[in-house]
Amino acid sequence: MLRSFVPIAAAVVIAAPAAAQSGDLALVQNHLRAVNTMTADFTQTDRAGKTLTGTLSLKKPGKIRFQYEKGVPILVVGDGKALTFIDYSVRQVQRWPISNSPLGVLINPDRDISRFAKVIPSGDSRVLSVEGYDPKHPEYGRITMVFARDGAAPGGLMLQGWVTLDSQGNRTTIRLANQRFNGPVSDGTFRWNDPRRSNARN
């Protein structure tokens, strides 16, 4: 499980400035700055069709948590400084910096997405897709965030999810549902138990 997930995490977490600003990018920026907290249900599907579900919690600046369904011994938590991947089945912990990453855009209200993102034509005026990719570092992969135009959502956009593609061609899709914005989210949500300690549990 660790081997299949790590490239996904790397693709989500790491990519750097690439593209130019546009009107739609400004809309995305407005949405991201209007969201202080978000909770949602998520479904993660890999290229083999394997699906996992869970809940997503986000709090700015810098905090995010992917809590997988019961029975899945992995956890991903951003504490404001780094994104941590924990595999409780093998008691392994890995960390990546959040800075200069597409995921950082979701949790850093001051980040200028025009430095690394571009709008991808979707063929549907109701949908806005934005891709983050660093051509100088293809090993970091690509992330495409998908938004729906929704006048009732912050900034007029609703984040639907994202797709990552790593350097080996592994494609992973995250779909969101039941998105809730700017409600109370405790800082304790982003704490985690270290499996390298004998009494740890997720």
N, C-alpha and C. Protein backbone atom coordinates (compact mmCIF):
# COMPACT_ATOMS: atom_id res chain seq x y z
N MET A 1 0.83 -1.20 0.00
CA MET A 1 0.00 0.00 0.00
C MET A 1 0.87 1.25 0.00
N LEU A 2 1.97 1.20 0.72
CA LEU A 2 2.86 2.35 0.78
C LEU A 2 3.43 2.66 -0.59
N ARG A 3 3.86 1.61 -1.29
CA ARG A 3 4.49 1.83 -2.59
C ARG A 3 3.53 2.46 -3.58
N SER A 4 2.25 2.05 -3.54
CA SER A 4 1.30 2.59 -4.49
C SER A 4 0.87 4.01 -4.15
N PHE A 5 0.94 4.38 -2.85
CA PHE A 5 0.43 5.69 -2.45
C PHE A 5 1.47 6.78 -2.57
N VAL A 6 2.73 6.48 -2.29
CA VAL A 6 3.74 7.54 -2.22
C VAL A 6 3.84 8.37 -3.50
N PRO A 7 3.85 7.76 -4.71
CA PRO A 7 3.88 8.61 -5.90
C PRO A 7 2.67 9.52 -6.00
N ILE A 8 1.52 9.04 -5.52
CA ILE A 8 0.32 9.87 -5.52
C ILE A 8 0.54 11.08 -4.64
N ALA A 9 1.02 10.85 -3.42
CA ALA A 9 1.26 11.95 -2.49
C ALA A 9 2.26 12.93 -3.07
N ALA A 10 3.33 12.39 -3.68
CA ALA A 10 4.34 13.27 -4.24
C ALA A 10 3.77 14.13 -5.35
N ALA A 11 2.93 13.52 -6.18
CA ALA A 11 2.36 14.28 -7.29
C ALA A 11 1.44 15.37 -6.78
N VAL A 12 0.68 15.06 -5.72
CA VAL A 12 -0.22 16.06 -5.16
C VAL A 12 0.57 17.17 -4.48
N VAL A 13 1.61 16.78 -3.78
CA VAL A 13 2.29 17.73 -2.92
C VAL A 13 3.30 18.59 -3.66
N ILE A 14 3.93 18.05 -4.69
CA ILE A 14 5.08 18.75 -5.26
C ILE A 14 4.85 19.12 -6.72
N ALA A 15 4.83 20.38 -6.99
CA ALA A 15 4.89 20.93 -8.34
C ALA A 15 5.09 22.41 -8.16
N ALA A 16 5.67 23.08 -9.15
CA ALA A 16 6.09 24.45 -8.91
C ALA A 16 5.60 25.39 -10.00
N PRO A 17 5.93 26.69 -9.88
CA PRO A 17 5.40 27.70 -10.80
C PRO A 17 5.61 27.37 -12.26
N ALA A 18 4.53 27.63 -13.07
CA ALA A 18 4.67 27.32 -14.49
C ALA A 18 3.92 28.25 -15.43
N ALA A 19 2.74 28.73 -15.11
CA ALA A 19 1.93 29.35 -16.14
C ALA A 19 1.52 30.78 -15.83
N ALA A 20 0.70 31.36 -16.72
CA ALA A 20 0.36 32.78 -16.64
C ALA A 20 -1.02 33.00 -16.06
N GLN A 21 -1.26 34.23 -15.60
CA GLN A 21 -2.54 34.60 -15.01
C GLN A 21 -3.60 34.76 -16.08
N SER A 22 -4.86 34.56 -15.72
CA SER A 22 -5.99 34.80 -16.61
C SER A 22 -7.18 35.16 -15.75
N GLY A 23 -8.28 35.54 -16.41
CA GLY A 23 -9.48 35.88 -15.65
C GLY A 23 -9.97 34.71 -14.82
N ASP A 24 -9.94 33.51 -15.39
CA ASP A 24 -10.41 32.34 -14.67
C ASP A 24 -9.47 31.99 -13.51
N LEU A 25 -8.18 32.19 -13.71
CA LEU A 25 -7.24 31.95 -12.61
C LEU A 25 -7.53 32.92 -11.47
N ALA A 26 -7.91 34.14 -11.82
CA ALA A 26 -8.26 35.12 -10.78
C ALA A 26 -9.49 34.66 -10.01
N LEU A 27 -10.46 34.03 -10.70
CA LEU A 27 -11.63 33.50 -10.03
C LEU A 27 -11.24 32.40 -9.05
N VAL A 28 -10.34 31.53 -9.49
CA VAL A 28 -9.88 30.45 -8.62
C VAL A 28 -9.17 31.04 -7.40
N GLN A 29 -8.33 32.04 -7.64
CA GLN A 29 -7.64 32.69 -6.54
C GLN A 29 -8.63 33.29 -5.55
N ASN A 30 -9.68 33.93 -6.05
CA ASN A 30 -10.70 34.52 -5.18
C ASN A 30 -11.39 33.45 -4.34
N HIS A 31 -11.68 32.32 -4.97
CA HIS A 31 -12.31 31.22 -4.24
C HIS A 31 -11.40 30.74 -3.10
N LEU A 32 -10.15 30.50 -3.45
CA LEU A 32 -9.22 29.96 -2.46
C LEU A 32 -9.04 30.91 -1.28
N ARG A 33 -9.02 32.20 -1.56
CA ARG A 33 -8.86 33.18 -0.50
C ARG A 33 -10.12 33.34 0.34
N ALA A 34 -11.28 32.97 -0.23
CA ALA A 34 -12.55 33.09 0.49
C ALA A 34 -12.81 31.90 1.41
N VAL A 35 -12.04 30.83 1.23
CA VAL A 35 -12.23 29.62 2.03
C VAL A 35 -11.21 29.58 3.17
N ASN A 36 -11.71 29.66 4.39
CA ASN A 36 -10.83 29.54 5.56
C ASN A 36 -10.80 28.12 6.11
N THR A 37 -11.93 27.44 6.04
CA THR A 37 -11.99 26.02 6.41
C THR A 37 -12.87 25.30 5.40
N MET A 38 -12.64 24.00 5.28
CA MET A 38 -13.49 23.16 4.45
C MET A 38 -13.47 21.74 4.99
N THR A 39 -14.62 21.10 4.98
CA THR A 39 -14.70 19.66 5.23
C THR A 39 -15.47 19.05 4.07
N ALA A 40 -15.14 17.80 3.75
CA ALA A 40 -15.80 17.13 2.63
C ALA A 40 -15.57 15.63 2.74
N ASP A 41 -16.42 14.88 2.07
CA ASP A 41 -16.17 13.46 1.87
C ASP A 41 -15.35 13.32 0.59
N PHE A 42 -14.44 12.35 0.54
CA PHE A 42 -13.68 12.16 -0.68
C PHE A 42 -13.66 10.70 -1.10
N THR A 43 -13.50 10.52 -2.41
CA THR A 43 -13.31 9.20 -3.00
C THR A 43 -12.03 9.24 -3.82
N GLN A 44 -11.11 8.33 -3.54
CA GLN A 44 -9.82 8.28 -4.23
C GLN A 44 -9.80 7.03 -5.11
N THR A 45 -9.54 7.22 -6.40
CA THR A 45 -9.49 6.11 -7.34
C THR A 45 -8.16 6.10 -8.06
N ASP A 46 -7.46 4.95 -8.06
CA ASP A 46 -6.18 4.88 -8.76
C ASP A 46 -6.40 4.34 -10.17
N ARG A 47 -5.31 4.22 -10.93
CA ARG A 47 -5.46 3.86 -12.34
C ARG A 47 -5.94 2.42 -12.52
N ALA A 48 -5.77 1.60 -11.49
CA ALA A 48 -6.26 0.22 -11.55
C ALA A 48 -7.73 0.11 -11.18
N GLY A 49 -8.30 1.25 -10.80
CA GLY A 49 -9.71 1.26 -10.43
C GLY A 49 -9.97 1.00 -8.96
N LYS A 50 -8.91 0.86 -8.17
CA LYS A 50 -9.09 0.66 -6.73
C LYS A 50 -9.58 1.96 -6.09
N THR A 51 -10.60 1.85 -5.27
CA THR A 51 -11.22 3.03 -4.68
C THR A 51 -11.16 2.99 -3.16
N LEU A 52 -10.78 4.11 -2.58
CA LEU A 52 -10.82 4.31 -1.13
C LEU A 52 -11.65 5.55 -0.85
N THR A 53 -12.29 5.58 0.28
CA THR A 53 -13.08 6.74 0.66
C THR A 53 -12.62 7.27 2.01
N GLY A 54 -13.08 8.46 2.34
CA GLY A 54 -12.72 9.04 3.63
C GLY A 54 -13.25 10.44 3.76
N THR A 55 -12.71 11.16 4.73
CA THR A 55 -13.13 12.54 4.97
C THR A 55 -11.91 13.46 4.90
N LEU A 56 -12.14 14.64 4.35
CA LEU A 56 -11.11 15.65 4.21
C LEU A 56 -11.44 16.82 5.13
N SER A 57 -10.43 17.30 5.86
CA SER A 57 -10.58 18.51 6.68
C SER A 57 -9.47 19.47 6.32
N LEU A 58 -9.81 20.75 6.18
CA LEU A 58 -8.85 21.77 5.79
C LEU A 58 -9.04 22.99 6.67
N LYS A 59 -7.93 23.58 7.08
CA LYS A 59 -7.98 24.81 7.86
C LYS A 59 -6.76 25.65 7.52
N LYS A 60 -7.00 26.89 7.14
CA LYS A 60 -5.89 27.78 6.79
C LYS A 60 -5.43 28.56 8.02
N PRO A 61 -4.13 28.85 8.03
CA PRO A 61 -3.14 28.49 7.01
C PRO A 61 -2.49 27.13 7.28
N GLY A 62 -2.35 26.35 6.23
CA GLY A 62 -1.43 25.23 6.24
C GLY A 62 -1.88 23.89 6.76
N LYS A 63 -3.14 23.72 7.12
CA LYS A 63 -3.54 22.45 7.73
C LYS A 63 -4.53 21.70 6.85
N ILE A 64 -4.29 20.38 6.72
CA ILE A 64 -5.17 19.53 5.94
C ILE A 64 -5.06 18.10 6.46
N ARG A 65 -6.14 17.34 6.39
CA ARG A 65 -6.12 15.95 6.85
C ARG A 65 -6.98 15.09 5.93
N PHE A 66 -6.40 13.98 5.46
CA PHE A 66 -7.12 12.96 4.72
C PHE A 66 -7.29 11.76 5.65
N GLN A 67 -8.48 11.60 6.18
CA GLN A 67 -8.77 10.49 7.08
C GLN A 67 -9.48 9.41 6.26
N TYR A 68 -8.79 8.28 6.04
CA TYR A 68 -9.36 7.23 5.22
C TYR A 68 -10.38 6.40 5.99
N GLU A 69 -11.16 5.65 5.23
CA GLU A 69 -12.22 4.83 5.80
C GLU A 69 -11.67 3.83 6.81
N LYS A 70 -12.55 3.35 7.69
CA LYS A 70 -12.17 2.38 8.70
C LYS A 70 -11.56 1.14 8.06
N GLY A 71 -10.46 0.68 8.61
CA GLY A 71 -9.78 -0.49 8.07
C GLY A 71 -8.62 -0.17 7.15
N VAL A 72 -8.49 1.10 6.72
CA VAL A 72 -7.36 1.52 5.89
C VAL A 72 -6.31 2.15 6.81
N PRO A 73 -5.14 1.54 6.93
CA PRO A 73 -4.16 1.96 7.95
C PRO A 73 -3.27 3.11 7.54
N ILE A 74 -3.74 4.02 6.69
CA ILE A 74 -2.93 5.15 6.27
C ILE A 74 -3.63 6.46 6.63
N LEU A 75 -2.80 7.48 6.78
CA LEU A 75 -3.30 8.80 7.14
C LEU A 75 -2.38 9.83 6.50
N VAL A 76 -2.95 10.92 6.02
CA VAL A 76 -2.16 12.02 5.47
C VAL A 76 -2.58 13.29 6.20
N VAL A 77 -1.59 14.00 6.79
CA VAL A 77 -1.89 15.18 7.58
C VAL A 77 -0.89 16.29 7.24
N GLY A 78 -1.41 17.50 7.01
CA GLY A 78 -0.58 18.68 6.86
C GLY A 78 -0.71 19.53 8.11
N ASP A 79 0.41 19.84 8.75
CA ASP A 79 0.38 20.57 10.02
C ASP A 79 0.74 22.04 9.88
N GLY A 80 0.84 22.53 8.65
CA GLY A 80 1.21 23.91 8.41
C GLY A 80 2.64 24.06 7.94
N LYS A 81 3.46 23.05 8.18
CA LYS A 81 4.86 23.08 7.75
C LYS A 81 5.18 21.99 6.75
N ALA A 82 4.65 20.81 7.00
CA ALA A 82 4.94 19.67 6.14
C ALA A 82 3.70 18.80 5.99
N LEU A 83 3.69 18.03 4.92
CA LEU A 83 2.66 17.03 4.73
C LEU A 83 3.23 15.69 5.16
N THR A 84 2.54 15.00 6.06
CA THR A 84 3.04 13.76 6.62
C THR A 84 2.17 12.60 6.16
N PHE A 85 2.82 11.56 5.64
CA PHE A 85 2.15 10.33 5.25
C PHE A 85 2.50 9.26 6.29
N ILE A 86 1.47 8.70 6.92
CA ILE A 86 1.68 7.70 7.96
C ILE A 86 1.05 6.38 7.52
N ASP A 87 1.84 5.31 7.55
CA ASP A 87 1.33 3.97 7.29
C ASP A 87 1.43 3.19 8.59
N TYR A 88 0.29 3.02 9.25
CA TYR A 88 0.29 2.36 10.54
C TYR A 88 0.55 0.86 10.43
N SER A 89 0.33 0.27 9.25
CA SER A 89 0.53 -1.17 9.11
C SER A 89 2.00 -1.56 9.18
N VAL A 90 2.88 -0.64 8.77
CA VAL A 90 4.33 -0.91 8.82
C VAL A 90 5.07 0.09 9.71
N ARG A 91 4.29 0.93 10.42
CA ARG A 91 4.85 1.93 11.33
C ARG A 91 5.88 2.82 10.63
N GLN A 92 5.48 3.34 9.49
CA GLN A 92 6.37 4.19 8.69
C GLN A 92 5.79 5.58 8.54
N VAL A 93 6.66 6.59 8.62
CA VAL A 93 6.27 7.99 8.51
C VAL A 93 7.16 8.66 7.46
N GLN A 94 6.55 9.39 6.52
CA GLN A 94 7.30 10.16 5.54
C GLN A 94 6.74 11.57 5.50
N ARG A 95 7.61 12.54 5.24
CA ARG A 95 7.19 13.94 5.24
C ARG A 95 7.71 14.66 3.99
N TRP A 96 6.88 15.59 3.49
CA TRP A 96 7.26 16.45 2.36
C TRP A 96 6.93 17.89 2.72
N PRO A 97 7.71 18.85 2.24
CA PRO A 97 7.36 20.26 2.48
C PRO A 97 6.09 20.65 1.73
N ILE A 98 5.26 21.43 2.38
CA ILE A 98 4.04 21.93 1.74
C ILE A 98 4.34 23.11 0.82
N SER A 99 5.37 23.87 1.16
CA SER A 99 5.68 25.07 0.37
C SER A 99 5.98 24.71 -1.08
N ASN A 100 5.64 25.65 -1.98
CA ASN A 100 5.86 25.48 -3.41
C ASN A 100 5.20 24.22 -3.95
N SER A 101 3.97 23.98 -3.56
CA SER A 101 3.25 22.80 -4.01
C SER A 101 1.82 23.15 -4.38
N PRO A 102 1.19 22.39 -5.30
CA PRO A 102 -0.20 22.65 -5.64
C PRO A 102 -1.12 22.51 -4.43
N LEU A 103 -0.88 21.51 -3.60
CA LEU A 103 -1.71 21.34 -2.42
C LEU A 103 -1.59 22.54 -1.50
N GLY A 104 -0.41 23.15 -1.50
CA GLY A 104 -0.21 24.34 -0.70
C GLY A 104 -1.15 25.47 -1.08
N VAL A 105 -1.57 25.48 -2.34
CA VAL A 105 -2.50 26.51 -2.80
C VAL A 105 -3.82 26.41 -2.05
N LEU A 106 -4.25 25.21 -1.76
CA LEU A 106 -5.53 25.01 -1.07
C LEU A 106 -5.49 25.51 0.36
N ILE A 107 -4.31 25.55 0.96
CA ILE A 107 -4.22 25.85 2.39
C ILE A 107 -3.39 27.08 2.70
N ASN A 108 -2.92 27.79 1.67
CA ASN A 108 -2.18 29.03 1.86
C ASN A 108 -2.92 30.16 1.14
N PRO A 109 -3.66 31.00 1.87
CA PRO A 109 -4.47 32.03 1.22
C PRO A 109 -3.67 33.10 0.50
N ASP A 110 -2.37 33.17 0.76
CA ASP A 110 -1.54 34.19 0.13
C ASP A 110 -0.83 33.70 -1.13
N ARG A 111 -1.00 32.45 -1.47
CA ARG A 111 -0.30 31.87 -2.61
C ARG A 111 -0.88 32.39 -3.92
N ASP A 112 -0.01 32.77 -4.84
CA ASP A 112 -0.42 33.27 -6.16
C ASP A 112 -0.36 32.12 -7.16
N ILE A 113 -1.52 31.57 -7.53
CA ILE A 113 -1.52 30.39 -8.39
C ILE A 113 -1.09 30.71 -9.82
N SER A 114 -1.09 31.98 -10.20
CA SER A 114 -0.70 32.32 -11.56
C SER A 114 0.77 32.00 -11.83
N ARG A 115 1.54 31.76 -10.77
CA ARG A 115 2.97 31.48 -10.93
C ARG A 115 3.24 30.06 -11.40
N PHE A 116 2.25 29.16 -11.27
CA PHE A 116 2.54 27.78 -11.65
C PHE A 116 1.35 27.06 -12.30
N ALA A 117 0.24 27.75 -12.49
CA ALA A 117 -0.96 27.07 -12.98
C ALA A 117 -1.45 27.67 -14.29
N LYS A 118 -2.25 26.88 -15.01
CA LYS A 118 -2.89 27.35 -16.23
C LYS A 118 -4.27 26.71 -16.33
N VAL A 119 -5.17 27.43 -17.03
CA VAL A 119 -6.53 26.94 -17.22
C VAL A 119 -6.53 25.92 -18.35
N ILE A 120 -7.21 24.79 -18.14
CA ILE A 120 -7.34 23.73 -19.14
C ILE A 120 -8.76 23.75 -19.68
N PRO A 121 -8.95 23.87 -21.00
CA PRO A 121 -10.31 23.86 -21.55
C PRO A 121 -11.04 22.58 -21.16
N SER A 122 -12.26 22.73 -20.68
CA SER A 122 -13.03 21.57 -20.22
C SER A 122 -14.14 21.16 -21.16
N GLY A 123 -14.52 22.04 -22.09
CA GLY A 123 -15.63 21.74 -22.98
C GLY A 123 -16.98 21.98 -22.36
N ASP A 124 -16.99 22.45 -21.11
CA ASP A 124 -18.23 22.73 -20.39
C ASP A 124 -18.05 24.06 -19.67
N SER A 125 -18.85 25.05 -20.02
CA SER A 125 -18.69 26.38 -19.44
C SER A 125 -18.95 26.40 -17.94
N ARG A 126 -19.61 25.37 -17.44
CA ARG A 126 -19.89 25.30 -16.00
C ARG A 126 -18.73 24.76 -15.20
N VAL A 127 -17.73 24.23 -15.90
CA VAL A 127 -16.59 23.59 -15.25
C VAL A 127 -15.31 24.37 -15.53
N LEU A 128 -14.49 24.54 -14.51
CA LEU A 128 -13.21 25.23 -14.63
C LEU A 128 -12.11 24.31 -14.13
N SER A 129 -11.18 23.97 -15.01
CA SER A 129 -10.08 23.08 -14.66
C SER A 129 -8.77 23.85 -14.70
N VAL A 130 -7.94 23.66 -13.68
CA VAL A 130 -6.66 24.35 -13.56
C VAL A 130 -5.57 23.33 -13.32
N GLU A 131 -4.53 23.37 -14.15
CA GLU A 131 -3.43 22.41 -14.05
C GLU A 131 -2.19 23.06 -13.46
N GLY A 132 -1.56 22.36 -12.54
CA GLY A 132 -0.26 22.76 -12.00
C GLY A 132 0.80 21.79 -12.45
N TYR A 133 1.90 22.31 -13.02
CA TYR A 133 2.96 21.46 -13.57
C TYR A 133 4.25 22.26 -13.70
N ASP A 134 5.35 21.65 -13.30
CA ASP A 134 6.65 22.28 -13.43
C ASP A 134 7.46 21.53 -14.49
N PRO A 135 7.61 22.10 -15.70
CA PRO A 135 8.34 21.41 -16.76
C PRO A 135 9.81 21.17 -16.44
N LYS A 136 10.36 21.91 -15.50
CA LYS A 136 11.75 21.71 -15.11
C LYS A 136 11.90 20.50 -14.20
N HIS A 137 10.78 20.05 -13.63
CA HIS A 137 10.81 18.89 -12.73
C HIS A 137 9.67 17.94 -13.07
N PRO A 138 9.74 17.25 -14.23
CA PRO A 138 8.65 16.34 -14.61
C PRO A 138 8.44 15.21 -13.62
N GLU A 139 9.47 14.91 -12.84
CA GLU A 139 9.33 13.84 -11.84
C GLU A 139 8.33 14.20 -10.75
N TYR A 140 7.97 15.47 -10.64
CA TYR A 140 7.01 15.89 -9.64
C TYR A 140 5.57 15.60 -10.06
N GLY A 141 5.35 15.33 -11.34
CA GLY A 141 4.02 15.01 -11.81
C GLY A 141 3.16 16.24 -12.06
N ARG A 142 1.88 15.98 -12.30
CA ARG A 142 0.92 17.04 -12.60
C ARG A 142 -0.29 16.91 -11.68
N ILE A 143 -0.91 18.03 -11.41
CA ILE A 143 -2.18 18.03 -10.70
C ILE A 143 -3.14 18.94 -11.43
N THR A 144 -4.36 18.45 -11.63
CA THR A 144 -5.41 19.25 -12.25
C THR A 144 -6.57 19.37 -11.27
N MET A 145 -6.84 20.58 -10.82
CA MET A 145 -7.96 20.83 -9.91
C MET A 145 -9.19 21.17 -10.73
N VAL A 146 -10.33 20.63 -10.33
CA VAL A 146 -11.58 20.81 -11.07
C VAL A 146 -12.58 21.55 -10.19
N PHE A 147 -13.11 22.65 -10.73
CA PHE A 147 -14.09 23.46 -10.02
C PHE A 147 -15.39 23.51 -10.83
N ALA A 148 -16.51 23.65 -10.13
CA ALA A 148 -17.80 23.92 -10.79
C ALA A 148 -18.19 25.35 -10.46
N ARG A 149 -18.71 26.04 -11.45
CA ARG A 149 -19.19 27.41 -11.20
C ARG A 149 -20.49 27.31 -10.40
N ASP A 150 -20.50 27.97 -9.24
CA ASP A 150 -21.63 27.87 -8.32
C ASP A 150 -21.74 29.18 -7.56
N GLY A 151 -22.76 29.95 -7.88
CA GLY A 151 -22.91 31.27 -7.27
C GLY A 151 -23.05 31.25 -5.77
N ALA A 152 -23.47 30.10 -5.20
CA ALA A 152 -23.67 30.00 -3.76
C ALA A 152 -22.39 29.60 -3.02
N ALA A 153 -21.35 29.23 -3.76
CA ALA A 153 -20.10 28.79 -3.14
C ALA A 153 -19.13 29.96 -3.00
N PRO A 154 -18.14 29.85 -2.11
CA PRO A 154 -17.17 30.95 -1.93
C PRO A 154 -16.49 31.33 -3.24
N GLY A 155 -16.52 32.62 -3.57
CA GLY A 155 -15.90 33.08 -4.80
C GLY A 155 -16.61 32.62 -6.06
N GLY A 156 -17.79 32.00 -5.91
CA GLY A 156 -18.54 31.54 -7.07
C GLY A 156 -18.06 30.23 -7.66
N LEU A 157 -17.18 29.50 -6.93
CA LEU A 157 -16.66 28.23 -7.41
C LEU A 157 -16.76 27.17 -6.32
N MET A 158 -16.99 25.93 -6.73
CA MET A 158 -17.03 24.78 -5.83
C MET A 158 -15.94 23.80 -6.25
N LEU A 159 -14.97 23.53 -5.39
CA LEU A 159 -13.93 22.55 -5.70
C LEU A 159 -14.55 21.16 -5.75
N GLN A 160 -14.45 20.51 -6.91
CA GLN A 160 -15.01 19.17 -7.11
C GLN A 160 -14.00 18.07 -6.82
N GLY A 161 -12.71 18.41 -6.92
CA GLY A 161 -11.67 17.40 -6.70
C GLY A 161 -10.45 17.70 -7.54
N TRP A 162 -9.61 16.69 -7.74
CA TRP A 162 -8.41 16.87 -8.56
C TRP A 162 -7.94 15.54 -9.09
N VAL A 163 -7.10 15.62 -10.12
CA VAL A 163 -6.49 14.44 -10.73
C VAL A 163 -4.98 14.63 -10.71
N THR A 164 -4.26 13.60 -10.28
CA THR A 164 -2.80 13.66 -10.32
C THR A 164 -2.26 12.62 -11.30
N LEU A 165 -1.15 12.96 -11.92
CA LEU A 165 -0.45 12.05 -12.82
C LEU A 165 1.02 12.12 -12.48
N ASP A 166 1.59 10.99 -12.00
CA ASP A 166 2.99 11.03 -11.62
C ASP A 166 3.88 10.71 -12.82
N SER A 167 5.20 10.75 -12.60
CA SER A 167 6.14 10.59 -13.72
C SER A 167 6.12 9.20 -14.31
N GLN A 168 5.55 8.21 -13.61
CA GLN A 168 5.42 6.86 -14.13
C GLN A 168 4.08 6.63 -14.84
N GLY A 169 3.28 7.69 -14.92
CA GLY A 169 1.99 7.58 -15.59
C GLY A 169 0.88 7.07 -14.70
N ASN A 170 1.10 7.03 -13.41
CA ASN A 170 0.05 6.59 -12.48
C ASN A 170 -0.94 7.73 -12.25
N ARG A 171 -2.18 7.47 -12.61
CA ARG A 171 -3.22 8.47 -12.52
C ARG A 171 -4.10 8.21 -11.31
N THR A 172 -4.35 9.23 -10.51
CA THR A 172 -5.20 9.11 -9.33
C THR A 172 -6.20 10.25 -9.33
N THR A 173 -7.45 9.91 -9.05
CA THR A 173 -8.53 10.88 -9.04
C THR A 173 -9.10 11.01 -7.64
N ILE A 174 -9.23 12.24 -7.17
CA ILE A 174 -9.90 12.55 -5.91
C ILE A 174 -11.19 13.29 -6.24
N ARG A 175 -12.32 12.76 -5.80
CA ARG A 175 -13.61 13.42 -5.99
C ARG A 175 -14.18 13.81 -4.63
N LEU A 176 -14.70 15.02 -4.54
CA LEU A 176 -15.24 15.53 -3.28
C LEU A 176 -16.77 15.56 -3.32
N ALA A 177 -17.37 15.42 -2.15
CA ALA A 177 -18.82 15.52 -2.01
C ALA A 177 -19.12 16.11 -0.64
N ASN A 178 -20.31 16.67 -0.51
CA ASN A 178 -20.75 17.24 0.77
C ASN A 178 -19.77 18.30 1.29
N GLN A 179 -19.28 19.15 0.38
CA GLN A 179 -18.35 20.20 0.78
C GLN A 179 -19.05 21.21 1.68
N ARG A 180 -18.37 21.56 2.77
CA ARG A 180 -18.88 22.54 3.72
C ARG A 180 -17.77 23.54 4.01
N PHE A 181 -18.09 24.83 3.93
CA PHE A 181 -17.08 25.87 4.00
C PHE A 181 -17.23 26.74 5.24
N ASN A 182 -16.06 27.13 5.77
CA ASN A 182 -15.96 28.19 6.79
C ASN A 182 -16.74 27.89 8.07
N GLY A 183 -16.86 26.62 8.38
CA GLY A 183 -17.40 26.21 9.67
C GLY A 183 -16.27 25.96 10.65
N PRO A 184 -16.58 25.66 11.90
CA PRO A 184 -15.54 25.42 12.90
C PRO A 184 -14.80 24.11 12.65
N VAL A 185 -13.48 24.16 12.65
CA VAL A 185 -12.62 22.98 12.54
C VAL A 185 -11.54 23.11 13.61
N SER A 186 -11.49 22.18 14.53
CA SER A 186 -10.55 22.23 15.64
C SER A 186 -9.11 21.99 15.18
N ASP A 187 -8.17 22.68 15.80
CA ASP A 187 -6.76 22.42 15.51
C ASP A 187 -6.38 20.98 15.86
N GLY A 188 -7.10 20.39 16.81
CA GLY A 188 -6.82 19.02 17.18
C GLY A 188 -7.05 18.02 16.06
N THR A 189 -7.82 18.43 15.06
CA THR A 189 -8.08 17.57 13.91
C THR A 189 -6.79 17.19 13.20
N PHE A 190 -5.78 18.02 13.30
CA PHE A 190 -4.56 17.83 12.52
C PHE A 190 -3.41 17.23 13.35
N ARG A 191 -3.77 16.68 14.50
CA ARG A 191 -2.79 15.92 15.27
C ARG A 191 -2.85 14.46 14.85
N TRP A 192 -1.76 13.75 15.08
CA TRP A 192 -1.73 12.33 14.71
C TRP A 192 -0.80 11.59 15.67
N ASN A 193 -1.06 10.30 15.80
CA ASN A 193 -0.25 9.44 16.65
C ASN A 193 0.90 8.84 15.85
N ASP A 194 2.09 8.90 16.41
CA ASP A 194 3.28 8.39 15.73
C ASP A 194 3.34 6.87 15.88
N PRO A 195 3.27 6.12 14.77
CA PRO A 195 3.26 4.66 14.87
C PRO A 195 4.60 4.08 15.32
N ARG A 196 5.64 4.91 15.33
CA ARG A 196 6.94 4.42 15.79
C ARG A 196 7.00 4.31 17.30
N ARG A 197 5.93 4.78 17.95
CA ARG A 197 5.78 4.57 19.38
C ARG A 197 4.89 3.36 19.60
N SER A 198 5.20 2.58 20.57
CA SER A 198 4.55 1.28 20.73
C SER A 198 3.06 1.36 20.99
N ASN A 199 2.60 2.46 21.58
CA ASN A 199 1.19 2.57 21.92
C ASN A 199 0.38 3.40 20.92
N ALA A 200 0.96 3.67 19.73
CA ALA A 200 0.29 4.54 18.76
C ALA A 200 -0.84 3.81 18.05
N ARG A 201 -1.87 4.56 17.73
CA ARG A 201 -2.94 4.06 16.87
C ARG A 201 -3.55 5.26 16.15
N ASN A 202 -4.07 5.03 14.93
CA ASN A 202 -4.62 6.14 14.15
C ASN A 202 -6.07 6.40 14.52
